[in-house]
C-alpha atoms as a PDB file:
ATOM      1  CA  MET A   1       5.225 -27.725 -11.330  1.00  0.00           C
ATOM      2  CA  HIS A   2       8.389 -28.877  -9.518  1.00  0.00           C
ATOM      3  CA  ASN A   3       8.863 -31.935  -7.397  1.00  0.00           C
ATOM      4  CA  ASN A   4       5.160 -32.580  -7.349  1.00  0.00           C
ATOM      5  CA  HIS A   5       4.636 -29.169  -5.656  1.00  0.00           C
ATOM      6  CA  PRO A   6       2.928 -26.205  -7.259  1.00  0.00           C
ATOM      7  CA  THR A   7       4.955 -22.944  -7.339  1.00  0.00           C
ATOM      8  CA  PRO A   8       2.471 -20.181  -6.598  1.00  0.00           C
ATOM      9  CA  THR A   9       3.601 -16.567  -6.399  1.00  0.00           C
ATOM     10  CA  PHE A  10       3.057 -14.729  -3.077  1.00  0.00           C
ATOM     11  CA  SER A  11       2.292 -11.056  -3.101  1.00  0.00           C
ATOM     12  CA  ILE A  12       3.760  -9.924   0.245  1.00  0.00           C
ATOM     13  CA  ILE A  13       2.387  -6.488   1.256  1.00  0.00           C
ATOM     14  CA  THR A  14       3.751  -4.189   3.945  1.00  0.00           C
ATOM     15  CA  VAL A  15       1.790  -1.029   4.776  1.00  0.00           C
ATOM     16  CA  THR A  16       3.794   1.609   6.562  1.00  0.00           C
ATOM     17  CA  TYR A  17       3.505   4.979   8.223  1.00  0.00           C
ATOM     18  CA  ASN A  18       6.398   6.369  10.219  1.00  0.00           C
ATOM     19  CA  ALA A  19       7.674   2.907  10.753  1.00  0.00           C
ATOM     20  CA  GLU A  20      11.478   3.454  10.786  1.00  0.00           C
ATOM     21  CA  LYS A  21      11.995   1.694  14.073  1.00  0.00           C
ATOM     22  CA  VAL A  22      10.610  -1.626  12.948  1.00  0.00           C
ATOM     23  CA  LEU A  23      10.529  -1.720   9.140  1.00  0.00           C
ATOM     24  CA  GLU A  24      14.049  -2.938   8.384  1.00  0.00           C
ATOM     25  CA  GLU A  25      13.596  -6.296  10.058  1.00  0.00           C
ATOM     26  CA  THR A  26      10.355  -6.885   8.198  1.00  0.00           C
ATOM     27  CA  ILE A  27      11.914  -6.111   4.847  1.00  0.00           C
ATOM     28  CA  GLN A  28      14.924  -8.343   5.620  1.00  0.00           C
ATOM     29  CA  SER A  29      12.561 -11.253   6.596  1.00  0.00           C
ATOM     30  CA  VAL A  30      10.940 -10.977   3.144  1.00  0.00           C
ATOM     31  CA  ILE A  31      13.969 -10.588   0.956  1.00  0.00           C
ATOM     32  CA  SER A  32      15.819 -13.409   2.772  1.00  0.00           C
ATOM     33  CA  GLN A  33      13.117 -15.943   1.995  1.00  0.00           C
ATOM     34  CA  THR A  34      14.570 -18.985   0.186  1.00  0.00           C
ATOM     35  CA  TYR A  35      11.431 -19.298  -1.917  1.00  0.00           C
ATOM     36  CA  ARG A  36      11.823 -16.983  -4.913  1.00  0.00           C
ATOM     37  CA  HIS A  37       8.308 -16.677  -6.338  1.00  0.00           C
ATOM     38  CA  ILE A  38       7.601 -13.461  -4.375  1.00  0.00           C
ATOM     39  CA  GLU A  39       6.293 -10.060  -5.302  1.00  0.00           C
ATOM     40  CA  TYR A  40       7.026  -7.526  -2.594  1.00  0.00           C
ATOM     41  CA  ILE A  41       4.848  -4.412  -2.319  1.00  0.00           C
ATOM     42  CA  ILE A  42       5.271  -1.508   0.166  1.00  0.00           C
ATOM     43  CA  VAL A  43       2.511   1.037   0.441  1.00  0.00           C
ATOM     44  CA  ASP A  44       3.483   3.994   2.602  1.00  0.00           C
ATOM     45  CA  GLY A  45       1.196   6.738   3.855  1.00  0.00           C
ATOM     46  CA  ALA A  46       3.693   9.636   3.154  1.00  0.00           C
ATOM     47  CA  SER A  47       5.876   8.982   6.216  1.00  0.00           C
ATOM     48  CA  VAL A  48       7.796  11.935   7.641  1.00  0.00           C
ATOM     49  CA  ASP A  49      10.463   9.938   9.547  1.00  0.00           C
ATOM     50  CA  GLY A  50      13.267   7.773   8.183  1.00  0.00           C
ATOM     51  CA  THR A  51      10.874   5.061   6.717  1.00  0.00           C
ATOM     52  CA  LEU A  52      11.423   6.000   3.061  1.00  0.00           C
ATOM     53  CA  GLY A  53      15.211   6.039   3.576  1.00  0.00           C
ATOM     54  CA  ILE A  54      14.968   2.427   4.726  1.00  0.00           C
ATOM     55  CA  VAL A  55      12.700   1.540   1.730  1.00  0.00           C
ATOM     56  CA  GLU A  56      15.246   3.164  -0.611  1.00  0.00           C
ATOM     57  CA  LYS A  57      18.079   1.176   0.853  1.00  0.00           C
ATOM     58  CA  TYR A  58      16.313  -2.015  -0.288  1.00  0.00           C
ATOM     59  CA  ARG A  59      14.540  -0.540  -3.283  1.00  0.00           C
ATOM     60  CA  ALA A  60      16.165  -2.961  -5.778  1.00  0.00           C
ATOM     61  CA  GLN A  61      14.618  -5.947  -3.938  1.00  0.00           C
ATOM     62  CA  ILE A  62      11.098  -4.405  -3.635  1.00  0.00           C
ATOM     63  CA  ASP A  63       8.872  -4.789  -6.629  1.00  0.00           C
ATOM     64  CA  LYS A  64       6.408  -1.929  -6.088  1.00  0.00           C
ATOM     65  CA  VAL A  65       6.566   1.066  -3.805  1.00  0.00           C
ATOM     66  CA  VAL A  66       3.879   3.752  -3.353  1.00  0.00           C
ATOM     67  CA  SER A  67       4.175   6.647  -0.861  1.00  0.00           C
ATOM     68  CA  GLU A  68       1.285   9.112  -0.714  1.00  0.00           C
ATOM     69  CA  PRO A  69      -1.323  10.240   1.897  1.00  0.00           C
ATOM     70  CA  ASP A  70      -4.082   7.792   2.531  1.00  0.00           C
ATOM     71  CA  LYS A  71      -7.266   7.529   4.626  1.00  0.00           C
ATOM     72  CA  GLY A  72      -5.601   5.064   7.092  1.00  0.00           C
ATOM     73  CA  LEU A  73      -4.427   1.516   7.306  1.00  0.00           C
ATOM     74  CA  TYR A  74      -7.183  -0.236   5.401  1.00  0.00           C
ATOM     75  CA  ASP A  75      -7.289   2.360   2.649  1.00  0.00           C
ATOM     76  CA  ALA A  76      -3.545   1.694   2.094  1.00  0.00           C
ATOM     77  CA  MET A  77      -4.253  -2.082   2.111  1.00  0.00           C
ATOM     78  CA  ASN A  78      -6.858  -1.568  -0.614  1.00  0.00           C
ATOM     79  CA  LYS A  79      -4.310   0.240  -2.781  1.00  0.00           C
ATOM     80  CA  ALA A  80      -1.958  -2.704  -2.256  1.00  0.00           C
ATOM     81  CA  ILE A  81      -4.596  -5.190  -3.300  1.00  0.00           C
ATOM     82  CA  SER A  82      -5.058  -3.322  -6.587  1.00  0.00           C
ATOM     83  CA  LEU A  83      -1.273  -3.548  -7.210  1.00  0.00           C
ATOM     84  CA  ALA A  84      -0.880  -7.217  -6.425  1.00  0.00           C
ATOM     85  CA  THR A  85      -0.567  -9.793  -9.219  1.00  0.00           C
ATOM     86  CA  GLY A  86       0.399 -12.966  -7.166  1.00  0.00           C
ATOM     87  CA  ASP A  87      -1.604 -16.141  -6.614  1.00  0.00           C
ATOM     88  CA  TYR A  88      -1.758 -15.492  -2.841  1.00  0.00           C
ATOM     89  CA  LEU A  89      -1.807 -12.322  -0.755  1.00  0.00           C
ATOM     90  CA  CYS A  90      -0.028 -11.859   2.593  1.00  0.00           C
ATOM     91  CA  PHE A  91      -0.257  -8.687   4.623  1.00  0.00           C
ATOM     92  CA  LEU A  92       2.955  -8.413   6.704  1.00  0.00           C
ATOM     93  CA  ASN A  93       2.841  -5.351   8.865  1.00  0.00           C
ATOM     94  CA  ALA A  94       5.928  -3.288   9.691  1.00  0.00           C
ATOM     95  CA  GLY A  95       7.419  -5.030  12.800  1.00  0.00           C
ATOM     96  CA  ASP A  96       6.118  -8.481  11.860  1.00  0.00           C
ATOM     97  CA  CYS A  97       8.363 -11.043  10.241  1.00  0.00           C
ATOM     98  CA  PHE A  98       8.221 -14.554   8.681  1.00  0.00           C
ATOM     99  CA  HIS A  99       9.083 -17.064  11.300  1.00  0.00           C
ATOM    100  CA  GLU A 100      12.085 -18.494   9.389  1.00  0.00           C
ATOM    101  CA  ASP A 101      13.964 -17.686   6.164  1.00  0.00           C
ATOM    102  CA  HIS A 102      12.392 -20.779   4.588  1.00  0.00           C
ATOM    103  CA  THR A 103       8.808 -20.339   5.815  1.00  0.00           C
ATOM    104  CA  LEU A 104       7.306 -19.772   2.386  1.00  0.00           C
ATOM    105  CA  GLN A 105       9.252 -22.710   0.989  1.00  0.00           C
ATOM    106  CA  GLN A 106       7.934 -24.919   3.775  1.00  0.00           C
ATOM    107  CA  MET A 107       4.389 -23.731   3.128  1.00  0.00           C
ATOM    108  CA  VAL A 108       4.698 -24.775  -0.516  1.00  0.00           C
ATOM    109  CA  TYR A 109       6.112 -28.118   0.473  1.00  0.00           C
ATOM    110  CA  THR A 110       2.847 -28.761   2.389  1.00  0.00           C
ATOM    111  CA  LEU A 111       0.948 -28.524  -0.965  1.00  0.00           C
ATOM    112  CA  ARG A 112       0.658 -31.804  -2.739  1.00  0.00           C
ATOM    113  CA  ARG A 113      -1.744 -31.322  -5.583  1.00  0.00           C
ATOM    114  CA  ASN A 114      -1.890 -29.361  -8.855  1.00  0.00           C
ATOM    115  CA  ASP A 115      -4.722 -27.245  -7.712  1.00  0.00           C
ATOM    116  CA  LEU A 116      -4.091 -24.447  -5.160  1.00  0.00           C
ATOM    117  CA  PRO A 117      -6.333 -24.194  -2.078  1.00  0.00           C
ATOM    118  CA  ASP A 118      -8.319 -20.976  -1.691  1.00  0.00           C
ATOM    119  CA  VAL A 119      -6.720 -20.055   1.635  1.00  0.00           C
ATOM    120  CA  LEU A 120      -3.448 -21.152   3.262  1.00  0.00           C
ATOM    121  CA  TYR A 121      -3.067 -20.565   6.962  1.00  0.00           C
ATOM    122  CA  GLY A 122      -1.046 -21.425  10.018  1.00  0.00           C
ATOM    123  CA  GLU A 123       0.086 -20.373  13.515  1.00  0.00           C
ATOM    124  CA  THR A 124       1.565 -17.195  14.868  1.00  0.00           C
ATOM    125  CA  ALA A 125       4.271 -16.609  17.500  1.00  0.00           C
ATOM    126  CA  ILE A 126       4.178 -13.440  19.660  1.00  0.00           C
ATOM    127  CA  VAL A 127       7.640 -11.795  19.934  1.00  0.00           C
ATOM    128  CA  ASP A 128       9.069  -8.735  21.695  1.00  0.00           C
ATOM    129  CA  THR A 129      10.860  -5.758  20.051  1.00  0.00           C
ATOM    130  CA  ASN A 130      14.120  -7.737  19.999  1.00  0.00           C
ATOM    131  CA  GLY A 131      12.423 -10.647  18.128  1.00  0.00           C
ATOM    132  CA  HIS A 132      12.557 -12.888  21.207  1.00  0.00           C
ATOM    133  CA  PHE A 133       9.740 -15.500  21.459  1.00  0.00           C
ATOM    134  CA  LEU A 134       7.184 -14.672  24.192  1.00  0.00           C
ATOM    135  CA  ARG A 135       4.451 -17.153  23.572  1.00  0.00           C
ATOM    136  CA  MET A 136       2.228 -18.642  20.871  1.00  0.00           C
ATOM    137  CA  ARG A 137      -0.899 -16.678  20.023  1.00  0.00           C
ATOM    138  CA  ARG A 138      -3.761 -17.512  22.438  1.00  0.00           C
ATOM    139  CA  LEU A 139      -6.164 -18.632  19.689  1.00  0.00           C
ATOM    140  CA  SER A 140      -4.862 -21.506  17.542  1.00  0.00           C
ATOM    141  CA  ALA A 141      -5.863 -22.427  13.999  1.00  0.00           C
ATOM    142  CA  PRO A 142      -8.560 -25.139  13.592  1.00  0.00           C
ATOM    143  CA  GLU A 143      -7.721 -28.228  11.523  1.00  0.00           C
ATOM    144  CA  THR A 144     -10.148 -27.173   8.851  1.00  0.00           C
ATOM    145  CA  LEU A 145     -10.952 -23.483   8.717  1.00  0.00           C
ATOM    146  CA  THR A 146     -14.419 -22.243   7.619  1.00  0.00           C
ATOM    147  CA  TRP A 147     -16.109 -18.908   7.904  1.00  0.00           C
ATOM    148  CA  LYS A 148     -18.238 -20.160  10.823  1.00  0.00           C
ATOM    149  CA  ASP A 149     -15.079 -20.728  12.964  1.00  0.00           C
ATOM    150  CA  PHE A 150     -14.620 -16.971  13.344  1.00  0.00           C
ATOM    151  CA  ARG A 151     -17.676 -16.897  15.630  1.00  0.00           C
ATOM    152  CA  MET A 152     -15.127 -18.040  18.257  1.00  0.00           C
ATOM    153  CA  GLY A 153     -12.954 -15.019  17.502  1.00  0.00           C
ATOM    154  CA  MET A 154     -10.213 -14.529  14.933  1.00  0.00           C
ATOM    155  CA  LEU A 155      -8.705 -18.028  15.175  1.00  0.00           C
ATOM    156  CA  VAL A 156      -6.126 -17.270  12.520  1.00  0.00           C
ATOM    157  CA  CYS A 157      -4.067 -14.123  12.731  1.00  0.00           C
ATOM    158  CA  HIS A 158      -4.569 -11.846   9.723  1.00  0.00           C
ATOM    159  CA  GLN A 159      -0.845 -12.054   8.832  1.00  0.00           C
ATOM    160  CA  ALA A 160      -0.948 -15.882   8.856  1.00  0.00           C
ATOM    161  CA  PHE A 161      -3.961 -15.929   6.479  1.00  0.00           C
ATOM    162  CA  PHE A 162      -3.024 -16.189   2.776  1.00  0.00           C
ATOM    163  CA  PRO A 163      -6.063 -15.968   0.479  1.00  0.00           C
ATOM    164  CA  ARG A 164      -6.069 -16.518  -3.278  1.00  0.00           C
ATOM    165  CA  ARG A 165      -6.030 -13.087  -4.957  1.00  0.00           C
ATOM    166  CA  THR A 166      -9.023 -14.057  -7.080  1.00  0.00           C
ATOM    167  CA  LEU A 167     -11.157 -14.295  -3.947  1.00  0.00           C
ATOM    168  CA  VAL A 168     -10.011 -11.052  -2.384  1.00  0.00           C
ATOM    169  CA  GLU A 169     -12.323  -7.998  -2.085  1.00  0.00           C
ATOM    170  CA  PRO A 170     -11.451  -4.557  -0.738  1.00  0.00           C
ATOM    171  CA  TYR A 171     -11.525  -3.943   3.005  1.00  0.00           C
ATOM    172  CA  ASN A 172     -14.639  -2.214   4.221  1.00  0.00           C
ATOM    173  CA  LEU A 173     -13.500   1.340   5.268  1.00  0.00           C
ATOM    174  CA  HIS A 174     -16.484   1.686   7.538  1.00  0.00           C
ATOM    175  CA  TYR A 175     -14.519  -0.339  10.030  1.00  0.00           C
ATOM    176  CA  ARG A 176     -11.555   1.500  11.570  1.00  0.00           C
ATOM    177  CA  TYR A 177     -10.006  -1.240  13.728  1.00  0.00           C
ATOM    178  CA  SER A 178     -11.371  -4.633  12.754  1.00  0.00           C
ATOM    179  CA  ALA A 179     -11.860  -4.479   8.943  1.00  0.00           C
ATOM    180  CA  ASP A 180      -9.429  -7.405   8.717  1.00  0.00           C
ATOM    181  CA  PHE A 181     -11.872  -9.631  10.712  1.00  0.00           C
ATOM    182  CA  ASP A 182     -14.725  -8.802   8.313  1.00  0.00           C
ATOM    183  CA  TRP A 183     -12.392  -9.267   5.287  1.00  0.00           C
ATOM    184  CA  CYS A 184     -11.301 -12.790   6.358  1.00  0.00           C
ATOM    185  CA  ILE A 185     -14.942 -13.902   6.942  1.00  0.00           C
ATOM    186  CA  ARG A 186     -16.048 -12.590   3.556  1.00  0.00           C
ATOM    187  CA  ILE A 187     -13.159 -14.458   1.860  1.00  0.00           C
ATOM    188  CA  LEU A 188     -13.880 -17.694   3.798  1.00  0.00           C
ATOM    189  CA  LYS A 189     -17.541 -17.514   2.796  1.00  0.00           C
ATOM    190  CA  LYS A 190     -16.385 -17.822  -0.839  1.00  0.00           C
ATOM    191  CA  ALA A 191     -13.628 -20.346  -0.265  1.00  0.00           C
ATOM    192  CA  HIS A 192     -14.173 -23.977  -1.179  1.00  0.00           C
ATOM    193  CA  ALA A 193     -10.841 -25.435   0.057  1.00  0.00           C
ATOM    194  CA  THR A 194      -8.724 -24.121   2.939  1.00  0.00           C
ATOM    195  CA  HIS A 195      -5.336 -25.607   3.870  1.00  0.00           C
ATOM    196  CA  ASN A 196      -3.771 -25.826   7.275  1.00  0.00           C
ATOM    197  CA  THR A 197      -0.013 -25.765   6.775  1.00  0.00           C
ATOM    198  CA  HIS A 198       0.634 -26.788  10.349  1.00  0.00           C
ATOM    199  CA  LEU A 199       3.460 -24.322  10.417  1.00  0.00           C
ATOM    200  CA  THR A 200       4.303 -21.330  12.544  1.00  0.00           C
ATOM    201  CA  ILE A 201       4.263 -18.739   9.765  1.00  0.00           C
ATOM    202  CA  ILE A 202       4.562 -15.306  11.413  1.00  0.00           C
ATOM    203  CA  ASP A 203       6.453 -13.704  14.292  1.00  0.00           C
ATOM    204  CA  TYR A 204       4.012 -11.051  15.409  1.00  0.00           C
ATOM    205  CA  LEU A 205       5.342  -8.009  17.281  1.00  0.00           C
ATOM    206  CA  GLU A 206       3.451  -7.476  20.531  1.00  0.00           C
ATOM    207  CA  GLU A 207       2.284  -3.926  20.487  1.00  0.00           C
ATOM    208  CA  GLY A 208       0.411  -2.315  23.269  1.00  0.00           C
ATOM    209  CA  MET A 209      -2.959  -1.280  21.720  1.00  0.00           C
ATOM    210  CA  THR A 210      -4.421   1.485  23.890  1.00  0.00           C
ATOM    211  CA  THR A 211      -7.404   0.371  26.013  1.00  0.00           C
ATOM    212  CA  GLN A 212      -9.467   3.037  24.189  1.00  0.00           C
ATOM    213  CA  ASN A 213      -8.699   1.453  20.787  1.00  0.00           C
ATOM    214  CA  ARG A 214      -9.170  -1.985  22.212  1.00  0.00           C
ATOM    215  CA  LYS A 215     -12.708  -1.132  23.334  1.00  0.00           C
ATOM    216  CA  ALA A 216     -13.589   0.451  19.970  1.00  0.00           C
ATOM    217  CA  SER A 217     -12.085  -2.575  18.258  1.00  0.00           C
ATOM    218  CA  LEU A 218     -14.161  -5.053  20.298  1.00  0.00           C
ATOM    219  CA  LYS A 219     -17.354  -3.056  19.666  1.00  0.00           C
ATOM    220  CA  GLU A 220     -16.643  -3.101  15.963  1.00  0.00           C
ATOM    221  CA  ARG A 221     -15.897  -6.787  16.031  1.00  0.00           C
ATOM    222  CA  PHE A 222     -19.294  -7.403  17.760  1.00  0.00           C
ATOM    223  CA  ARG A 223     -21.015  -5.535  14.879  1.00  0.00           C
ATOM    224  CA  ILE A 224     -19.167  -7.550  12.305  1.00  0.00           C
ATOM    225  CA  MET A 225     -20.100 -10.891  14.025  1.00  0.00           C
ATOM    226  CA  ALA A 226     -23.708  -9.777  14.280  1.00  0.00           C
ATOM    227  CA  LYS A 227     -23.700  -8.942  10.544  1.00  0.00           C
ATOM    228  CA  HIS A 228     -22.340 -12.343   9.494  1.00  0.00           C
ATOM    229  CA  TYR A 229     -23.759 -14.615  12.195  1.00  0.00           C
ATOM    230  CA  GLY A 230     -26.846 -12.899  13.510  1.00  0.00           C
ATOM    231  CA  TRP A 231     -27.475 -11.029  16.742  1.00  0.00           C
ATOM    232  CA  ILE A 232     -28.642 -13.957  18.890  1.00  0.00           C
ATOM    233  CA  SER A 233     -25.733 -16.195  18.002  1.00  0.00           C
ATOM    234  CA  THR A 234     -23.325 -13.341  18.610  1.00  0.00           C
ATOM    235  CA  LEU A 235     -24.723 -12.536  22.049  1.00  0.00           C
ATOM    236  CA  LEU A 236     -24.587 -16.239  23.070  1.00  0.00           C
ATOM    237  CA  TYR A 237     -21.005 -16.514  21.949  1.00  0.00           C
ATOM    238  CA  HIS A 238     -20.040 -13.330  23.786  1.00  0.00           C
ATOM    239  CA  ALA A 239     -21.532 -14.727  26.970  1.00  0.00           C
ATOM    240  CA  TRP A 240     -19.350 -17.740  26.489  1.00  0.00           C
ATOM    241  CA  PHE A 241     -16.303 -15.541  25.894  1.00  0.00           C
ATOM    242  CA  VAL A 242     -16.888 -13.846  29.293  1.00  0.00           C
ATOM    243  CA  VAL A 243     -17.133 -17.260  31.042  1.00  0.00           C
ATOM    244  CA  ARG A 244     -13.966 -18.344  29.231  1.00  0.00           C
ATOM    245  CA  LEU A 245     -12.104 -15.190  30.385  1.00  0.00           C
ATOM    246  CA  ILE A 246     -13.217 -15.763  33.967  1.00  0.00           C
ATOM    247  CA  THR A 247     -12.448 -19.467  34.139  1.00  0.00           C
ATOM    248  CA  LYS A 248      -9.301 -19.521  31.999  1.00  0.00           C
ATOM    249  CA  PRO A 249      -7.613 -16.140  32.340  1.00  0.00           C
ATOM    250  CA  GLY A 250      -4.477 -15.675  30.291  1.00  0.00           C
ATOM    251  CA  GLN A 251      -5.286 -18.457  27.843  1.00  0.00           C
END
């Protein structure tokens, strides 16, 4: 304990595959954090571009590196979970960055007690490829997050959702696009205390997901919601989503 604040260790995980164009900024945003209780893990899917050269450049500041073929993004994330030893996990994709160099330090400063909450969370800024701010994420974090809140959609971005490692389970590989949505709900179902840091934690790189993937992702998300919240509730919420889209486009 220090200055009445706990000093948890954060396991920061970056999963990569042919990410040479965007990886360096992500690594720099992790290693330049002023908070020192960090374990940095990179799991690479046997990239064939310059990704591993960039990893090698910073190898001394990365705690664990794995590069081998995998069965996709969530399989790689599951490998990373098994390697992590920190109090909290954070999945920071290649291209995404912490909002500021002292983001993790600020997060810890928001903690006042000896006991650590089960989930820490905050807001996400959307940025372009040059790191310039575009807008805040459309959905904003509720004051007190529970598993039922995700009926409204993924109110907290996966990257700005830091669960205790002891609550974490593997991602369900049956889901190709939205396993993170299911993962967050399952963790929140077990969580007793969640903590809103009221901070912008992540700068999220706006990537154009293809319309095809987007459709598949939405269908998958519907199935996940039906599993956790029931079919009727999910259908009613989706009807409301449609009304919201028509009446408040772009929000």
